[in-house]
């Protein structure tokens, strides 16, 4: 099967969406499919074409950027050529160009499947309201023109104004999640470098520094946690500097973070490779995902942590609350409520044995090969082969 995957950003850009797309594309290749990723050349230093882990990546030049979006005038021309050459088109939303790609799928008789990752909610402001409105318009056009839509969970679909409009052509498929196995030496070296044996418990947060991630909720919860555990520390893995559109947010929170850095209660680890991150998780006592709005639809890092025996404390957002609900490894806190977050984290830290789960079952549920097979069945059905 020739599969065309279309999305605005692809690797080496790091986000939950790009990691999902990469894992799925690689799984398709391992299963014998020919996979092409069409994306944008968001960084001019990236090659226009390359092969990454057996996946052909084609990047369309960008003329300019609007907020977190990009304008690539030749995107439609390249899409026309590529859609015609492939058997099925899989698009990742949110994506400004998706309606045009889905329309080309219709015109060429190629099934167009949307993987909907999250609702887009930019910060308040006149310009951002305009951007949100345009994205909503394009997403709805893509939903109308596509043959089918995939989302992570039914919980998120039931609470998404967008997905609820397309319930008749919606299939929940769990996201692909895999982690490399770190050496015991790497885990021990990380523990030594960051004093995780002496400065406990260790609270992890793994995400880019963005306003929807609720970093301030954890900051406000820390004083409560430190009263019970004076040596507690936060390890923050992910890009925290020069995040597109988030500099003002970082500048607002950093003075407080700097105080915690100085006292050894907060450490930024930076953007880590999968193998580096794999050495971090075994050193955590709990992970938290205190996200604030529906731009977070699941929180893949929760599953990565659970695969390492680490429980999670997410906010009660639809979809984001599902990993804990499904696997019993953690507690769910109220959205945007620092006291609730602190209480939930403390409960998990106080009774760790209560929040253990079936790690092998979790790994099997999110195995990229298994997820790719579910997509294959959907593609085959849409192509009239089932």
Protein backbone atom coordinates (compact mmCIF):
# COMPACT_ATOMS: atom_id res chain seq x y z
CA UNK A 1 0.00 0.00 0.00
CA UNK A 2 1.27 3.48 -0.85
CA UNK A 3 0.44 5.79 2.06
CA UNK A 4 0.76 9.57 1.90
CA UNK A 5 0.95 11.27 5.29
CA UNK A 6 0.43 15.04 5.32
CA UNK A 7 1.10 17.39 8.23
CA UNK A 8 2.47 20.89 8.80
CA UNK A 9 5.40 19.93 11.03
CA UNK A 10 7.37 16.71 11.04
CA UNK A 11 10.58 15.60 12.69
CA UNK A 12 12.99 16.95 13.82
CA UNK A 13 10.31 19.30 15.22
CA UNK A 14 9.28 17.92 18.61
CA UNK A 15 5.66 17.72 19.73
CA UNK A 16 3.20 14.99 20.62
CA UNK A 17 1.77 15.24 17.10
CA UNK A 18 5.10 14.87 15.30
CA UNK A 19 6.18 11.99 17.53
CA UNK A 20 2.87 10.21 16.84
CA UNK A 21 3.25 10.75 13.08
CA UNK A 22 6.84 9.49 13.08
CA UNK A 23 6.04 6.36 15.09
CA UNK A 24 3.09 5.49 12.87
CA UNK A 25 4.99 6.14 9.63
CA UNK A 26 7.88 3.93 10.77
CA UNK A 27 5.44 1.18 11.79
CA UNK A 28 3.82 1.29 8.33
CA UNK A 29 7.26 0.94 6.71
CA UNK A 30 8.13 -2.05 8.91
CA UNK A 31 4.88 -3.67 7.79
CA UNK A 32 5.95 -3.37 4.14
CA UNK A 33 4.14 -0.22 3.04
CA UNK A 34 5.60 2.61 0.98
CA UNK A 35 5.24 5.78 3.06
CA UNK A 36 5.74 9.38 1.99
CA UNK A 37 5.46 12.25 4.46
CA UNK A 38 4.58 15.62 2.95
CA UNK A 39 5.32 18.49 5.30
CA UNK A 40 6.75 22.01 5.35
CA UNK A 41 10.35 23.16 5.38
CA UNK A 42 9.72 25.15 8.57
CA UNK A 43 13.47 25.38 9.10
CA UNK A 44 15.33 26.46 5.90
CA UNK A 45 18.35 24.37 6.94
CA UNK A 46 16.35 21.14 6.58
CA UNK A 47 16.69 19.25 3.27
CA UNK A 48 13.82 19.45 0.79
CA UNK A 49 13.82 15.66 0.49
CA UNK A 50 15.33 12.88 2.59
CA UNK A 51 14.77 9.32 3.76
CA UNK A 52 14.24 8.97 7.51
CA UNK A 53 13.97 5.40 8.86
CA UNK A 54 12.64 4.20 5.51
CA UNK A 55 10.10 7.05 5.28
CA UNK A 56 10.43 9.44 2.34
CA UNK A 57 10.06 12.99 3.63
CA UNK A 58 9.20 15.82 1.23
CA UNK A 59 9.33 19.36 2.64
CA UNK A 60 7.59 22.26 0.90
CA UNK A 61 9.31 25.67 1.20
CA UNK A 62 7.74 28.21 3.56
CA UNK A 63 7.23 31.82 2.47
CA UNK A 64 6.32 33.24 5.90
CA UNK A 65 4.86 32.36 9.27
CA UNK A 66 1.61 33.44 10.96
CA UNK A 67 1.62 32.68 14.68
CA UNK A 68 2.40 28.95 14.85
CA UNK A 69 1.22 28.38 11.30
CA UNK A 70 3.18 28.58 8.06
CA UNK A 71 2.31 29.73 4.54
CA UNK A 72 3.72 27.52 1.78
CA UNK A 73 2.40 28.69 -1.64
CA UNK A 74 3.43 25.54 -3.55
CA UNK A 75 1.86 23.15 -1.04
CA UNK A 76 -1.20 22.56 -3.23
CA UNK A 77 0.85 21.84 -6.34
CA UNK A 78 3.01 19.28 -4.55
CA UNK A 79 -0.08 17.74 -2.92
CA UNK A 80 -1.76 17.27 -6.30
CA UNK A 81 1.19 15.26 -7.61
CA UNK A 82 1.58 13.16 -4.47
CA UNK A 83 -2.10 12.35 -3.88
CA UNK A 84 -2.35 11.05 -7.45
CA UNK A 85 0.56 8.65 -6.84
CA UNK A 86 -0.67 7.12 -3.57
CA UNK A 87 -3.43 4.72 -2.53
CA UNK A 88 -4.57 6.49 0.63
CA UNK A 89 -4.03 9.89 2.23
CA UNK A 90 -3.65 10.33 5.98
CA UNK A 91 -3.66 13.88 7.36
CA UNK A 92 -2.87 15.12 10.85
CA UNK A 93 -5.06 17.93 12.20
CA UNK A 94 -4.95 20.78 13.13
CA UNK A 95 -3.61 21.70 9.67
CA UNK A 96 -4.45 24.70 7.50
CA UNK A 97 -3.90 22.85 4.21
CA UNK A 98 -5.97 19.76 5.05
CA UNK A 99 -9.17 20.75 3.14
CA UNK A 100 -7.27 21.11 -0.12
CA UNK A 101 -5.54 17.76 0.38
CA UNK A 102 -8.83 16.04 1.29
CA UNK A 103 -10.48 17.55 -1.81
CA UNK A 104 -7.70 16.15 -3.98
CA UNK A 105 -8.33 12.76 -2.38
CA UNK A 106 -11.98 13.02 -3.43
CA UNK A 107 -11.07 14.09 -6.97
CA UNK A 108 -8.56 11.28 -7.45
CA UNK A 109 -10.71 8.67 -5.71
CA UNK A 110 -8.19 8.15 -2.90
CA UNK A 111 -9.57 7.66 0.66
CA UNK A 112 -8.70 10.64 2.86
CA UNK A 113 -8.40 9.93 6.60
CA UNK A 114 -7.91 12.63 9.23
CA UNK A 115 -6.12 11.91 12.49
CA UNK A 116 -7.45 14.60 14.80
CA UNK A 117 -5.02 15.34 17.60
CA UNK A 118 -6.63 18.21 19.45
CA UNK A 119 -8.72 21.35 19.35
CA UNK A 120 -6.68 24.48 18.78
CA UNK A 121 -7.06 27.20 21.40
CA UNK A 122 -4.59 30.04 21.11
CA UNK A 123 -4.19 32.58 23.94
CA UNK A 124 -6.69 35.45 24.18
CA UNK A 125 -6.34 38.42 21.87
CA UNK A 126 -7.96 39.80 18.72
CA UNK A 127 -5.39 38.32 16.35
CA UNK A 128 -5.49 34.89 17.98
CA UNK A 129 -9.30 34.88 17.82
CA UNK A 130 -9.01 35.49 14.10
CA UNK A 131 -6.50 32.65 13.74
CA UNK A 132 -8.71 30.33 15.78
CA UNK A 133 -11.66 31.20 13.57
CA UNK A 134 -9.74 30.46 10.38
CA UNK A 135 -8.41 27.17 11.74
CA UNK A 136 -11.92 26.13 12.82
CA UNK A 137 -13.20 26.92 9.33
CA UNK A 138 -10.44 24.89 7.66
CA UNK A 139 -10.82 21.97 10.08
CA UNK A 140 -14.55 21.79 9.38
CA UNK A 141 -13.94 21.88 5.64
CA UNK A 142 -11.44 19.05 6.04
CA UNK A 143 -13.89 17.08 8.20
CA UNK A 144 -16.61 17.46 5.58
CA UNK A 145 -14.35 16.43 2.69
CA UNK A 146 -12.56 13.54 4.39
CA UNK A 147 -13.80 9.96 4.28
CA UNK A 148 -13.08 9.17 7.90
CA UNK A 149 -11.68 10.65 11.12
CA UNK A 150 -9.51 8.98 13.75
CA UNK A 151 -9.20 10.31 17.29
CA UNK A 152 -7.45 8.97 20.38
CA UNK A 153 -10.42 8.28 22.65
CA UNK A 154 -14.19 8.34 22.63
CA UNK A 155 -14.02 10.48 25.77
CA UNK A 156 -12.28 13.26 23.87
CA UNK A 157 -14.61 12.88 20.87
CA UNK A 158 -17.72 13.17 23.04
CA UNK A 159 -16.47 16.45 24.49
CA UNK A 160 -15.02 18.03 21.35
CA UNK A 161 -17.39 20.43 19.55
CA UNK A 162 -15.55 19.59 16.34
CA UNK A 163 -15.57 15.80 16.55
CA UNK A 164 -19.16 15.61 17.74
CA UNK A 165 -20.23 16.95 14.32
CA UNK A 166 -18.70 13.94 12.58
CA UNK A 167 -19.71 11.08 14.86
CA UNK A 168 -20.92 9.00 11.90
CA UNK A 169 -17.42 8.74 10.43
CA UNK A 170 -15.31 8.57 13.57
CA UNK A 171 -13.12 5.74 14.91
CA UNK A 172 -11.13 5.93 18.18
CA UNK A 173 -7.64 4.42 17.88
CA UNK A 174 -5.15 4.68 20.74
CA UNK A 175 -1.90 6.47 19.88
CA UNK A 176 1.33 4.59 19.15
CA UNK A 177 3.75 4.72 22.06
CA UNK A 178 7.15 3.08 22.40
CA UNK A 179 10.23 3.74 24.48
CA UNK A 180 13.80 2.49 24.03
CA UNK A 181 15.15 0.42 26.91
CA UNK A 182 17.90 2.34 28.71
CA UNK A 183 20.96 0.66 30.14
CA UNK A 184 21.16 0.40 33.91
CA UNK A 185 24.34 2.47 33.66
CA UNK A 186 22.46 5.31 31.93
CA UNK A 187 19.73 5.29 34.59
CA UNK A 188 22.30 5.29 37.38
CA UNK A 189 24.33 8.04 35.72
CA UNK A 190 21.24 10.22 35.46
CA UNK A 191 20.41 9.55 39.12
CA UNK A 192 23.95 10.51 40.14
CA UNK A 193 24.00 13.69 38.04
CA UNK A 194 20.62 14.91 39.31
CA UNK A 195 20.77 13.56 42.88
CA UNK A 196 17.48 11.69 42.52
CA UNK A 197 18.37 9.39 45.42
CA UNK A 198 18.93 12.26 47.84
CA UNK A 199 16.42 14.85 46.55
CA UNK A 200 13.19 12.89 46.63
CA UNK A 201 10.44 12.56 45.68
CA UNK A 202 11.02 13.41 42.01
CA UNK A 203 8.13 14.95 40.09
CA UNK A 204 8.42 14.88 36.32
CA UNK A 205 6.92 17.12 33.67
CA UNK A 206 7.67 16.22 30.05
CA UNK A 207 6.46 18.74 27.49
CA UNK A 208 7.40 21.91 25.69
CA UNK A 209 6.95 25.10 27.70
CA UNK A 210 3.59 26.44 26.49
CA UNK A 211 0.68 28.31 28.06
CA UNK A 212 -1.80 25.44 27.60
CA UNK A 213 0.44 23.04 29.54
CA UNK A 214 -0.38 24.50 32.95
CA UNK A 215 3.16 25.02 34.23
CA UNK A 216 1.90 27.68 36.62
CA UNK A 217 -0.47 25.16 38.22
CA UNK A 218 2.48 22.98 39.21
CA UNK A 219 4.42 26.04 40.38
CA UNK A 220 1.57 27.03 42.68
CA UNK A 221 1.21 23.44 43.92
CA UNK A 222 4.88 23.12 44.87
CA UNK A 223 4.70 24.98 48.23
CA UNK A 224 2.05 22.52 49.42
CA UNK A 225 4.12 19.54 48.26
CA UNK A 226 7.30 20.92 49.83
CA UNK A 227 5.62 21.18 53.24
CA UNK A 228 5.28 17.38 53.26
CA UNK A 229 8.42 16.62 51.23
CA UNK A 230 11.01 19.39 51.74
CA UNK A 231 13.51 17.68 49.43
CA UNK A 232 11.10 17.22 46.52
CA UNK A 233 12.31 18.31 43.10
CA UNK A 234 10.77 18.86 39.67
CA UNK A 235 12.59 17.59 36.60
CA UNK A 236 11.26 19.37 33.50
CA UNK A 237 12.12 17.65 30.20
CA UNK A 238 11.29 19.40 26.96
CA UNK A 239 12.00 22.61 25.11
CA UNK A 240 11.63 25.56 27.44
CA UNK A 241 13.52 28.29 25.62
CA UNK A 242 12.65 29.89 22.28
CA UNK A 243 9.35 28.02 22.01
CA UNK A 244 7.39 29.52 19.12
CA UNK A 245 4.79 32.00 20.42
CA UNK A 246 5.52 31.28 24.09
CA UNK A 247 8.29 33.70 25.08
CA UNK A 248 5.98 36.04 27.02
CA UNK A 249 4.57 33.07 28.95
CA UNK A 250 8.06 31.86 29.85
CA UNK A 251 9.18 35.35 30.88
CA UNK A 252 6.16 35.67 33.18
CA UNK A 253 6.79 32.40 35.01
CA UNK A 254 10.57 32.27 35.05
CA UNK A 255 11.19 34.57 38.06
CA UNK A 256 9.40 32.06 40.30
CA UNK A 257 11.04 29.09 38.60
CA UNK A 258 14.44 30.71 39.10
CA UNK A 259 13.86 30.71 42.85
CA UNK A 260 13.13 26.98 42.77
CA UNK A 261 16.16 26.38 40.54
CA UNK A 262 18.40 28.16 43.04
CA UNK A 263 17.11 26.00 45.90
CA UNK A 264 17.44 22.75 43.95
CA UNK A 265 13.70 22.15 43.63
CA UNK A 266 13.46 22.66 39.83
CA UNK A 267 15.74 21.55 37.00
CA UNK A 268 15.28 22.09 33.28
CA UNK A 269 16.63 19.09 31.37
CA UNK A 270 16.09 20.55 27.91
CA UNK A 271 14.93 18.76 24.78
CA UNK A 272 15.94 15.10 25.13
CA UNK A 273 16.26 12.31 22.59
CA UNK A 274 14.11 9.21 23.18
CA UNK A 275 17.07 7.26 24.59
CA UNK A 276 17.95 10.14 26.93
CA UNK A 277 14.33 10.45 28.06
CA UNK A 278 14.20 6.70 28.66
CA UNK A 279 16.84 7.14 31.36
CA UNK A 280 14.78 9.88 33.03
CA UNK A 281 11.51 8.02 33.59
CA UNK A 282 12.88 5.32 35.95
CA UNK A 283 14.15 8.15 38.17
CA UNK A 284 10.69 9.70 38.60
CA UNK A 285 8.26 9.00 41.41
CA UNK A 286 5.33 10.62 39.62
CA UNK A 287 4.62 12.42 36.35
CA UNK A 288 2.19 15.30 36.08
CA UNK A 289 0.26 16.66 33.08
CA UNK A 290 -1.61 19.72 34.46
CA UNK A 291 -2.83 20.92 31.05
CA UNK A 292 -5.50 23.59 30.88
CA UNK A 293 -7.47 23.21 27.67
CA UNK A 294 -8.42 20.87 24.85
CA UNK A 295 -5.24 21.48 22.88
CA UNK A 296 -4.12 18.54 25.01
CA UNK A 297 -6.09 15.47 23.98
CA UNK A 298 -4.31 12.59 25.69
CA UNK A 299 -0.76 13.20 26.92
CA UNK A 300 1.40 10.50 25.33
CA UNK A 301 4.02 11.03 28.02
CA UNK A 302 1.65 9.49 30.56
CA UNK A 303 1.90 6.16 28.76
CA UNK A 304 5.68 6.49 28.43
CA UNK A 305 5.87 6.99 32.19
CA UNK A 306 3.49 4.13 32.94
CA UNK A 307 5.59 1.81 30.77
CA UNK A 308 8.36 2.54 33.28
CA UNK A 309 6.14 1.93 36.28
CA UNK A 310 5.65 5.63 36.99
CA UNK A 311 2.11 6.81 37.88
CA UNK A 312 0.64 10.01 36.49
CA UNK A 313 -1.38 12.92 37.83
CA UNK A 314 -3.11 14.68 34.91
CA UNK A 315 -5.80 17.33 34.91
CA UNK A 316 -9.39 16.19 34.37
CA UNK A 317 -9.50 17.24 30.73
CA UNK A 318 -11.42 14.90 28.40
CA UNK A 319 -8.97 12.46 26.86
CA UNK A 320 -6.12 13.51 29.16
CA UNK A 321 -7.84 11.79 32.10
CA UNK A 322 -8.19 8.53 30.14
CA UNK A 323 -4.75 6.91 30.72
CA UNK A 324 -5.29 7.01 34.49
CA UNK A 325 -8.90 5.89 34.11
CA UNK A 326 -7.93 3.00 31.82
CA UNK A 327 -4.83 1.76 33.64
CA UNK A 328 -5.34 2.85 37.25
CA UNK A 329 -1.87 4.30 37.58
CA UNK A 330 -2.45 7.66 39.23
CA UNK A 331 -5.00 10.23 40.24
CA UNK A 332 -6.83 12.93 38.27
CA UNK A 333 -6.73 16.54 39.50
CA UNK A 334 -9.19 19.35 38.86
CA UNK A 335 -8.35 21.51 35.86
CA UNK A 336 -6.30 24.57 36.77
CA UNK A 337 -6.56 23.85 40.51
CA UNK A 338 -3.14 23.88 42.18
CA UNK A 339 -4.51 22.65 45.53
CA UNK A 340 -6.17 19.68 43.82
CA UNK A 341 -2.98 18.96 41.88
CA UNK A 342 -0.90 19.02 45.07
CA UNK A 343 -3.40 16.80 46.90
CA UNK A 344 -3.43 14.27 44.04
CA UNK A 345 0.37 14.19 43.73
CA UNK A 346 0.71 13.73 47.49
CA UNK A 347 -1.78 10.87 47.47
CA UNK A 348 0.25 9.06 44.81
CA UNK A 349 3.54 9.75 46.61
CA UNK A 350 2.14 8.60 49.97
CA UNK A 351 0.84 5.25 48.67
CA UNK A 352 2.92 4.27 45.59
CA UNK A 353 1.96 0.57 45.70
CA UNK A 354 -1.68 1.54 45.31
CA UNK A 355 -1.00 2.91 41.83
CA UNK A 356 0.94 0.10 40.20
CA UNK A 357 -0.35 -1.25 36.89
CA UNK A 358 0.10 -4.05 34.35
CA UNK A 359 3.08 -2.69 32.44
CA UNK A 360 3.19 -5.46 29.82
CA UNK A 361 -0.49 -4.98 29.03
CA UNK A 362 0.07 -1.24 28.65
CA UNK A 363 2.97 -1.80 26.26
CA UNK A 364 0.88 -4.16 24.15
CA UNK A 365 -2.07 -1.75 23.98
CA UNK A 366 0.04 1.04 22.47
CA UNK A 367 2.50 -0.98 20.40
CA UNK A 368 3.01 0.93 17.10
CA UNK A 369 2.68 -2.28 15.06
CA UNK A 370 -0.72 -2.96 16.64
CA UNK A 371 -1.84 0.63 16.00
CA UNK A 372 -0.65 0.42 12.38
CA UNK A 373 -2.71 -2.74 11.89
CA UNK A 374 -5.84 -0.91 13.05
CA UNK A 375 -5.16 1.84 10.52
CA UNK A 376 -4.58 -0.79 7.82
CA UNK A 377 -7.99 -2.31 8.44
CA UNK A 378 -9.59 1.13 8.24
CA UNK A 379 -7.75 1.98 5.02
CA UNK A 380 -8.67 -1.36 3.44
CA UNK A 381 -12.34 -0.88 4.35
CA UNK A 382 -12.38 2.57 2.85
CA UNK A 383 -10.68 1.29 -0.29
CA UNK A 384 -13.45 -1.30 -0.67
CA UNK A 385 -11.24 -4.30 0.15
CA UNK A 386 -13.26 -5.37 3.20
